[in-house]
PDB file of N, CA and C in Angstrom:
ATOM      1  N   MET A   1     -14.649 -13.875  -0.357  1.00  0.00           N
ATOM      2  CA  MET A   1     -15.273 -14.475  -0.995  1.00  0.00           C
ATOM      3  C   MET A   1     -14.518 -13.648  -2.136  1.00  0.00           C
ATOM      4  N   ILE A   2     -13.988 -13.670  -3.504  1.00  0.00           N
ATOM      5  CA  ILE A   2     -13.285 -13.123  -4.819  1.00  0.00           C
ATOM      6  C   ILE A   2     -14.336 -13.770  -6.023  1.00  0.00           C
ATOM      7  N   LYS A   3     -14.678 -12.836  -6.353  1.00  0.00           N
ATOM      8  CA  LYS A   3     -16.016 -13.269  -7.738  1.00  0.00           C
ATOM      9  C   LYS A   3     -15.094 -13.833  -9.078  1.00  0.00           C
ATOM     10  N   VAL A   4     -15.071 -14.241  -9.540  1.00  0.00           N
ATOM     11  CA  VAL A   4     -14.362 -14.200 -10.535  1.00  0.00           C
ATOM     12  C   VAL A   4     -15.528 -14.255 -12.000  1.00  0.00           C
ATOM     13  N   LEU A   5     -15.678 -13.397 -13.440  1.00  0.00           N
ATOM     14  CA  LEU A   5     -16.277 -13.382 -13.940  1.00  0.00           C
ATOM     15  C   LEU A   5     -15.763 -13.799 -15.254  1.00  0.00           C
ATOM     16  N   PHE A   6     -16.301 -14.435 -16.157  1.00  0.00           N
ATOM     17  CA  PHE A   6     -15.810 -14.678 -17.701  1.00  0.00           C
ATOM     18  C   PHE A   6     -16.524 -14.436 -18.676  1.00  0.00           C
ATOM     19  N   PHE A   7     -16.289 -13.726 -19.583  1.00  0.00           N
ATOM     20  CA  PHE A   7     -17.179 -13.473 -20.723  1.00  0.00           C
ATOM     21  C   PHE A   7     -16.781 -13.831 -22.202  1.00  0.00           C
ATOM     22  N   ALA A   8     -18.387 -13.347 -23.162  1.00  0.00           N
ATOM     23  CA  ALA A   8     -17.575 -14.198 -24.279  1.00  0.00           C
ATOM     24  C   ALA A   8     -17.013 -15.460 -24.964  1.00  0.00           C
ATOM     25  N   ARG A   9     -16.239 -16.054 -25.599  1.00  0.00           N
ATOM     26  CA  ARG A   9     -15.150 -16.939 -25.606  1.00  0.00           C
ATOM     27  C   ARG A   9     -15.041 -17.533 -24.605  1.00  0.00           C
ATOM     28  N   LEU A  10     -14.729 -17.026 -23.952  1.00  0.00           N
ATOM     29  CA  LEU A  10     -14.234 -17.420 -22.612  1.00  0.00           C
ATOM     30  C   LEU A  10     -15.188 -18.286 -21.433  1.00  0.00           C
ATOM     31  N   LYS A  11     -16.526 -17.220 -21.625  1.00  0.00           N
ATOM     32  CA  LYS A  11     -17.505 -18.604 -21.047  1.00  0.00           C
ATOM     33  C   LYS A  11     -17.671 -19.615 -21.043  1.00  0.00           C
ATOM     34  N   ASP A  12     -17.515 -20.160 -22.886  1.00  0.00           N
ATOM     35  CA  ASP A  12     -17.889 -21.074 -23.067  1.00  0.00           C
ATOM     36  C   ASP A  12     -16.940 -22.512 -23.444  1.00  0.00           C
ATOM     37  N   GLN A  13     -15.463 -21.594 -23.620  1.00  0.00           N
ATOM     38  CA  GLN A  13     -14.466 -22.838 -23.081  1.00  0.00           C
ATOM     39  C   GLN A  13     -13.880 -22.989 -22.006  1.00  0.00           C
ATOM     40  N   VAL A  14     -14.221 -22.050 -20.629  1.00  0.00           N
ATOM     41  CA  VAL A  14     -14.108 -22.591 -19.493  1.00  0.00           C
ATOM     42  C   VAL A  14     -15.476 -23.610 -18.822  1.00  0.00           C
ATOM     43  N   GLY A  15     -16.331 -23.374 -19.274  1.00  0.00           N
ATOM     44  CA  GLY A  15     -17.613 -23.796 -19.389  1.00  0.00           C
ATOM     45  C   GLY A  15     -18.378 -23.034 -17.913  1.00  0.00           C
ATOM     46  N   GLN A  16     -18.205 -21.798 -17.733  1.00  0.00           N
ATOM     47  CA  GLN A  16     -19.005 -21.128 -16.511  1.00  0.00           C
ATOM     48  C   GLN A  16     -18.981 -20.350 -16.964  1.00  0.00           C
ATOM     49  N   ALA A  17     -19.617 -19.220 -16.789  1.00  0.00           N
ATOM     50  CA  ALA A  17     -19.577 -17.692 -16.973  1.00  0.00           C
ATOM     51  C   ALA A  17     -19.449 -16.764 -15.634  1.00  0.00           C
ATOM     52  N   GLU A  18     -19.188 -17.307 -14.323  1.00  0.00           N
ATOM     53  CA  GLU A  18     -18.929 -17.066 -13.075  1.00  0.00           C
ATOM     54  C   GLU A  18     -18.636 -18.326 -11.708  1.00  0.00           C
ATOM     55  N   LEU A  19     -17.463 -17.868 -11.028  1.00  0.00           N
ATOM     56  CA  LEU A  19     -17.259 -19.327 -10.388  1.00  0.00           C
ATOM     57  C   LEU A  19     -16.332 -17.759  -8.847  1.00  0.00           C
ATOM     58  N   THR A  20     -16.995 -18.249  -7.777  1.00  0.00           N
ATOM     59  CA  THR A  20     -16.770 -17.845  -6.571  1.00  0.00           C
ATOM     60  C   THR A  20     -15.301 -18.286  -5.804  1.00  0.00           C
ATOM     61  N   LEU A  21     -14.181 -17.778  -5.301  1.00  0.00           N
ATOM     62  CA  LEU A  21     -13.372 -18.558  -4.762  1.00  0.00           C
ATOM     63  C   LEU A  21     -13.035 -17.964  -3.461  1.00  0.00           C
ATOM     64  N   THR A  22     -12.040 -18.724  -3.099  1.00  0.00           N
ATOM     65  CA  THR A  22     -12.260 -18.531  -1.193  1.00  0.00           C
ATOM     66  C   THR A  22     -11.035 -16.857  -1.321  1.00  0.00           C
ATOM     67  N   ASP A  23     -10.515 -16.499   0.001  1.00  0.00           N
ATOM     68  CA  ASP A  23     -10.461 -15.227   0.587  1.00  0.00           C
ATOM     69  C   ASP A  23      -8.483 -16.004  -0.067  1.00  0.00           C
ATOM     70  N   ASP A  24      -8.328 -16.812  -0.292  1.00  0.00           N
ATOM     71  CA  ASP A  24      -7.524 -17.910  -0.759  1.00  0.00           C
ATOM     72  C   ASP A  24      -6.146 -17.067  -1.659  1.00  0.00           C
ATOM     73  N   MET A  25      -6.620 -16.590  -2.498  1.00  0.00           N
ATOM     74  CA  MET A  25      -6.322 -15.273  -3.644  1.00  0.00           C
ATOM     75  C   MET A  25      -5.908 -13.975  -3.297  1.00  0.00           C
ATOM     76  N   ALA A  26      -6.735 -13.751  -1.674  1.00  0.00           N
ATOM     77  CA  ALA A  26      -6.218 -12.324  -1.474  1.00  0.00           C
ATOM     78  C   ALA A  26      -4.890 -11.981  -1.639  1.00  0.00           C
ATOM     79  N   GLY A  27      -4.667 -10.481  -1.528  1.00  0.00           N
ATOM     80  CA  GLY A  27      -2.766 -10.402  -1.523  1.00  0.00           C
ATOM     81  C   GLY A  27      -1.908 -10.556  -2.775  1.00  0.00           C
ATOM     82  N   LYS A  28      -2.735 -11.647  -3.674  1.00  0.00           N
ATOM     83  CA  LYS A  28      -1.598 -12.578  -4.974  1.00  0.00           C
ATOM     84  C   LYS A  28      -1.893 -11.181  -6.060  1.00  0.00           C
ATOM     85  N   THR A  29      -1.537 -11.422  -7.091  1.00  0.00           N
ATOM     86  CA  THR A  29      -1.365 -10.864  -8.434  1.00  0.00           C
ATOM     87  C   THR A  29      -2.400 -11.276  -9.232  1.00  0.00           C
ATOM     88  N   LEU A  30      -2.566 -10.426  -9.953  1.00  0.00           N
ATOM     89  CA  LEU A  30      -4.265 -10.663 -11.436  1.00  0.00           C
ATOM     90  C   LEU A  30      -3.420 -12.093 -12.004  1.00  0.00           C
ATOM     91  N   ALA A  31      -2.386 -11.571 -12.144  1.00  0.00           N
ATOM     92  CA  ALA A  31      -1.528 -12.349 -12.591  1.00  0.00           C
ATOM     93  C   ALA A  31      -1.505 -14.304 -11.873  1.00  0.00           C
ATOM     94  N   ASP A  32      -1.148 -14.021 -10.727  1.00  0.00           N
ATOM     95  CA  ASP A  32      -1.558 -15.608  -9.851  1.00  0.00           C
ATOM     96  C   ASP A  32      -2.370 -15.706 -10.433  1.00  0.00           C
ATOM     97  N   LEU A  33      -3.326 -15.170 -10.073  1.00  0.00           N
ATOM     98  CA  LEU A  33      -4.824 -15.562 -10.104  1.00  0.00           C
ATOM     99  C   LEU A  33      -5.148 -16.384 -11.707  1.00  0.00           C
ATOM    100  N   GLN A  34      -4.357 -15.295 -12.423  1.00  0.00           N
ATOM    101  CA  GLN A  34      -4.499 -16.464 -14.102  1.00  0.00           C
ATOM    102  C   GLN A  34      -4.126 -17.355 -14.054  1.00  0.00           C
ATOM    103  N   GLN A  35      -2.699 -17.663 -13.250  1.00  0.00           N
ATOM    104  CA  GLN A  35      -2.076 -18.587 -13.535  1.00  0.00           C
ATOM    105  C   GLN A  35      -2.961 -19.851 -12.842  1.00  0.00           C
ATOM    106  N   SER A  36      -3.074 -20.097 -11.499  1.00  0.00           N
ATOM    107  CA  SER A  36      -4.323 -20.772 -10.559  1.00  0.00           C
ATOM    108  C   SER A  36      -4.775 -21.495 -11.322  1.00  0.00           C
ATOM    109  N   LEU A  37      -6.346 -20.696 -12.124  1.00  0.00           N
ATOM    110  CA  LEU A  37      -6.988 -20.831 -13.176  1.00  0.00           C
ATOM    111  C   LEU A  37      -6.362 -21.801 -14.088  1.00  0.00           C
ATOM    112  N   ILE A  38      -5.859 -21.186 -14.999  1.00  0.00           N
ATOM    113  CA  ILE A  38      -4.670 -22.322 -15.707  1.00  0.00           C
ATOM    114  C   ILE A  38      -4.563 -23.736 -14.993  1.00  0.00           C
ATOM    115  N   ALA A  39      -4.013 -23.536 -14.247  1.00  0.00           N
ATOM    116  CA  ALA A  39      -3.203 -24.545 -13.729  1.00  0.00           C
ATOM    117  C   ALA A  39      -4.530 -25.382 -13.245  1.00  0.00           C
ATOM    118  N   GLN A  40      -5.778 -24.979 -12.998  1.00  0.00           N
ATOM    119  CA  GLN A  40      -7.031 -25.486 -12.680  1.00  0.00           C
ATOM    120  C   GLN A  40      -7.535 -26.998 -14.257  1.00  0.00           C
ATOM    121  N   GLY A  41      -7.241 -25.898 -15.252  1.00  0.00           N
ATOM    122  CA  GLY A  41      -7.457 -26.610 -16.292  1.00  0.00           C
ATOM    123  C   GLY A  41      -7.988 -25.495 -16.494  1.00  0.00           C
ATOM    124  N   MET A  42      -8.271 -24.519 -16.431  1.00  0.00           N
ATOM    125  CA  MET A  42      -8.777 -23.500 -17.233  1.00  0.00           C
ATOM    126  C   MET A  42      -7.480 -22.471 -18.627  1.00  0.00           C
ATOM    127  N   ILE A  43      -7.426 -23.640 -19.629  1.00  0.00           N
ATOM    128  CA  ILE A  43      -5.924 -23.340 -20.666  1.00  0.00           C
ATOM    129  C   ILE A  43      -6.880 -22.176 -21.390  1.00  0.00           C
ATOM    130  N   ALA A  44      -7.684 -22.165 -21.747  1.00  0.00           N
ATOM    131  CA  ALA A  44      -8.361 -20.759 -22.447  1.00  0.00           C
ATOM    132  C   ALA A  44      -7.707 -19.421 -21.620  1.00  0.00           C
ATOM    133  N   LEU A  45      -7.406 -19.509 -20.959  1.00  0.00           N
ATOM    134  CA  LEU A  45      -6.868 -17.912 -19.730  1.00  0.00           C
ATOM    135  C   LEU A  45      -5.420 -18.102 -19.991  1.00  0.00           C
ATOM    136  N   GLN A  46      -4.979 -18.479 -20.978  1.00  0.00           N
ATOM    137  CA  GLN A  46      -3.387 -18.989 -21.627  1.00  0.00           C
ATOM    138  C   GLN A  46      -3.494 -17.756 -22.548  1.00  0.00           C
ATOM    139  N   ASP A  47      -4.175 -17.139 -23.022  1.00  0.00           N
ATOM    140  CA  ASP A  47      -4.517 -15.957 -24.335  1.00  0.00           C
ATOM    141  C   ASP A  47      -3.760 -14.703 -24.071  1.00  0.00           C
ATOM    142  N   ASP A  48      -2.565 -14.614 -24.540  1.00  0.00           N
ATOM    143  CA  ASP A  48      -2.216 -12.993 -23.772  1.00  0.00           C
ATOM    144  C   ASP A  48      -2.658 -12.529 -24.377  1.00  0.00           C
ATOM    145  N   SER A  49      -3.765 -12.396 -25.128  1.00  0.00           N
ATOM    146  CA  SER A  49      -4.636 -11.038 -26.242  1.00  0.00           C
ATOM    147  C   SER A  49      -5.925 -10.750 -24.797  1.00  0.00           C
ATOM    148  N   ILE A  50      -6.502 -11.777 -23.646  1.00  0.00           N
ATOM    149  CA  ILE A  50      -6.754 -11.615 -22.745  1.00  0.00           C
ATOM    150  C   ILE A  50      -6.963  -9.899 -21.538  1.00  0.00           C
ATOM    151  N   ARG A  51      -7.441  -9.872 -21.704  1.00  0.00           N
ATOM    152  CA  ARG A  51      -8.581  -8.537 -20.854  1.00  0.00           C
ATOM    153  C   ARG A  51      -8.702  -8.983 -19.744  1.00  0.00           C
ATOM    154  N   ILE A  52      -8.010  -8.171 -18.749  1.00  0.00           N
ATOM    155  CA  ILE A  52      -8.487  -8.562 -17.180  1.00  0.00           C
ATOM    156  C   ILE A  52      -8.549  -7.780 -16.825  1.00  0.00           C
ATOM    157  N   ALA A  53      -9.712  -7.462 -15.811  1.00  0.00           N
ATOM    158  CA  ALA A  53     -10.790  -6.457 -15.297  1.00  0.00           C
ATOM    159  C   ALA A  53     -10.817  -6.316 -13.567  1.00  0.00           C
ATOM    160  N   LEU A  54      -9.970  -5.157 -12.630  1.00  0.00           N
ATOM    161  CA  LEU A  54     -10.183  -5.852 -11.538  1.00  0.00           C
ATOM    162  C   LEU A  54     -11.478  -4.466 -10.956  1.00  0.00           C
ATOM    163  N   ASN A  55     -12.441  -4.689 -10.472  1.00  0.00           N
ATOM    164  CA  ASN A  55     -13.800  -4.098 -10.161  1.00  0.00           C
ATOM    165  C   ASN A  55     -14.012  -3.340 -11.122  1.00  0.00           C
ATOM    166  N   GLN A  56     -14.064  -3.849 -12.289  1.00  0.00           N
ATOM    167  CA  GLN A  56     -14.935  -2.954 -13.615  1.00  0.00           C
ATOM    168  C   GLN A  56     -13.576  -2.066 -14.251  1.00  0.00           C
ATOM    169  N   ASN A  57     -12.047  -2.111 -13.910  1.00  0.00           N
ATOM    170  CA  ASN A  57     -11.042  -1.252 -14.312  1.00  0.00           C
ATOM    171  C   ASN A  57     -10.532  -2.036 -14.616  1.00  0.00           C
ATOM    172  N   PHE A  58     -10.256  -2.103 -15.854  1.00  0.00           N
ATOM    173  CA  PHE A  58      -8.684  -2.866 -16.864  1.00  0.00           C
ATOM    174  C   PHE A  58      -7.745  -2.812 -16.211  1.00  0.00           C
ATOM    175  N   SER A  59      -6.918  -3.377 -15.759  1.00  0.00           N
ATOM    176  CA  SER A  59      -6.088  -3.851 -14.934  1.00  0.00           C
ATOM    177  C   SER A  59      -4.925  -4.566 -15.682  1.00  0.00           C
ATOM    178  N   THR A  60      -3.436  -4.539 -15.223  1.00  0.00           N
ATOM    179  CA  THR A  60      -1.968  -5.184 -15.466  1.00  0.00           C
ATOM    180  C   THR A  60      -2.168  -5.489 -14.823  1.00  0.00           C
ATOM    181  N   GLY A  61      -1.876  -7.196 -14.843  1.00  0.00           N
ATOM    182  CA  GLY A  61      -1.123  -8.068 -14.104  1.00  0.00           C
ATOM    183  C   GLY A  61      -0.599  -7.922 -12.899  1.00  0.00           C
ATOM    184  N   ASP A  62      -0.317  -7.108 -12.672  1.00  0.00           N
ATOM    185  CA  ASP A  62       0.440  -6.741 -11.495  1.00  0.00           C
ATOM    186  C   ASP A  62      -0.455  -6.400 -10.099  1.00  0.00           C
ATOM    187  N   ALA A  63      -1.662  -5.968 -10.416  1.00  0.00           N
ATOM    188  CA  ALA A  63      -2.595  -5.466  -9.558  1.00  0.00           C
ATOM    189  C   ALA A  63      -3.129  -6.621  -8.494  1.00  0.00           C
ATOM    190  N   ILE A  64      -3.761  -6.483  -7.290  1.00  0.00           N
ATOM    191  CA  ILE A  64      -3.221  -6.780  -6.761  1.00  0.00           C
ATOM    192  C   ILE A  64      -5.097  -7.510  -6.137  1.00  0.00           C
ATOM    193  N   VAL A  65      -4.942  -8.869  -6.485  1.00  0.00           N
ATOM    194  CA  VAL A  65      -6.982  -8.953  -5.401  1.00  0.00           C
ATOM    195  C   VAL A  65      -7.141  -9.034  -3.284  1.00  0.00           C
ATOM    196  N   GLN A  66      -7.906  -8.455  -3.419  1.00  0.00           N
ATOM    197  CA  GLN A  66      -8.775  -8.056  -2.381  1.00  0.00           C
ATOM    198  C   GLN A  66      -9.284  -9.148  -2.250  1.00  0.00           C
ATOM    199  N   ALA A  67     -10.059  -9.624  -0.801  1.00  0.00           N
ATOM    200  CA  ALA A  67     -11.344 -10.552  -0.164  1.00  0.00           C
ATOM    201  C   ALA A  67     -11.770  -9.446  -1.329  1.00  0.00           C
ATOM    202  N   GLY A  68     -13.249  -9.958  -1.715  1.00  0.00           N
ATOM    203  CA  GLY A  68     -14.618  -8.781  -1.679  1.00  0.00           C
ATOM    204  C   GLY A  68     -14.339  -8.292  -3.212  1.00  0.00           C
ATOM    205  N   ASP A  69     -12.843  -8.326  -4.053  1.00  0.00           N
ATOM    206  CA  ASP A  69     -13.434  -8.262  -5.284  1.00  0.00           C
ATOM    207  C   ASP A  69     -13.937  -8.784  -6.445  1.00  0.00           C
ATOM    208  N   GLU A  70     -13.915  -7.945  -7.072  1.00  0.00           N
ATOM    209  CA  GLU A  70     -14.971  -8.936  -8.434  1.00  0.00           C
ATOM    210  C   GLU A  70     -13.314  -8.869  -9.697  1.00  0.00           C
ATOM    211  N   VAL A  71     -13.203  -9.854 -10.487  1.00  0.00           N
ATOM    212  CA  VAL A  71     -11.880 -10.425 -11.260  1.00  0.00           C
ATOM    213  C   VAL A  71     -12.845 -10.606 -12.530  1.00  0.00           C
ATOM    214  N   ALA A  72     -12.735  -9.610 -13.526  1.00  0.00           N
ATOM    215  CA  ALA A  72     -13.656 -10.174 -14.942  1.00  0.00           C
ATOM    216  C   ALA A  72     -12.123 -10.602 -15.873  1.00  0.00           C
ATOM    217  N   PHE A  73     -12.788 -11.647 -17.092  1.00  0.00           N
ATOM    218  CA  PHE A  73     -11.731 -12.178 -17.812  1.00  0.00           C
ATOM    219  C   PHE A  73     -12.160 -11.963 -19.312  1.00  0.00           C
ATOM    220  N   MET A  74     -11.658 -11.194 -20.630  1.00  0.00           N
ATOM    221  CA  MET A  74     -12.494 -11.102 -21.227  1.00  0.00           C
ATOM    222  C   MET A  74     -11.660 -10.830 -22.540  1.00  0.00           C
ATOM    223  N   PRO A  75     -11.970 -11.422 -23.543  1.00  0.00           N
ATOM    224  CA  PRO A  75     -11.277 -11.382 -24.828  1.00  0.00           C
ATOM    225  C   PRO A  75     -11.338 -10.199 -25.533  1.00  0.00           C
ATOM    226  N   PRO A  76     -10.364  -9.938 -26.338  1.00  0.00           N
ATOM    227  CA  PRO A  76     -10.756  -8.387 -26.674  1.00  0.00           C
ATOM    228  C   PRO A  76     -11.577  -8.659 -27.606  1.00  0.00           C
ATOM    229  N   VAL A  77     -12.125  -7.062 -27.764  1.00  0.00           N
ATOM    230  CA  VAL A  77     -13.555  -6.893 -28.010  1.00  0.00           C
ATOM    231  C   VAL A  77     -13.046  -6.921 -29.936  1.00  0.00           C
ATOM    232  N   THR A  78     -14.264  -6.995 -30.796  1.00  0.00           N
ATOM    233  CA  THR A  78     -14.204  -7.270 -32.116  1.00  0.00           C
ATOM    234  C   THR A  78     -15.378  -6.685 -32.881  1.00  0.00           C
ATOM    235  N   GLY A  79     -15.390  -5.691 -33.589  1.00  0.00           N
ATOM    236  CA  GLY A  79     -17.058  -5.620 -34.003  1.00  0.00           C
ATOM    237  C   GLY A  79     -16.449  -5.621 -35.294  1.00  0.00           C
ATOM    238  N   GLY A  80     -17.881  -5.044 -35.955  1.00  0.00           N
ATOM    239  CA  GLY A  80     -17.820  -4.881 -38.010  1.00  0.00           C
ATOM    240  C   GLY A  80     -19.170  -3.960 -37.900  1.00  0.00           C
TER     241      GLY A  80
END
């Protein structure tokens, strides 16, 4: 299983804080996973400024997802 988390406004736009995927995405890249979720209607993930973490480490789209991994999508952090 692959656990996918959504933070901040993405959680609201996607309509859920997390989901669990089967291992079908194992061996694919983070970019492939993101595109698969967009194709399923999660269009909020099309934003180029979204950061992706793999197992709690920021990663690039070419990182490979494995069974048991945790993937988190986050909008850029702002503060004041």
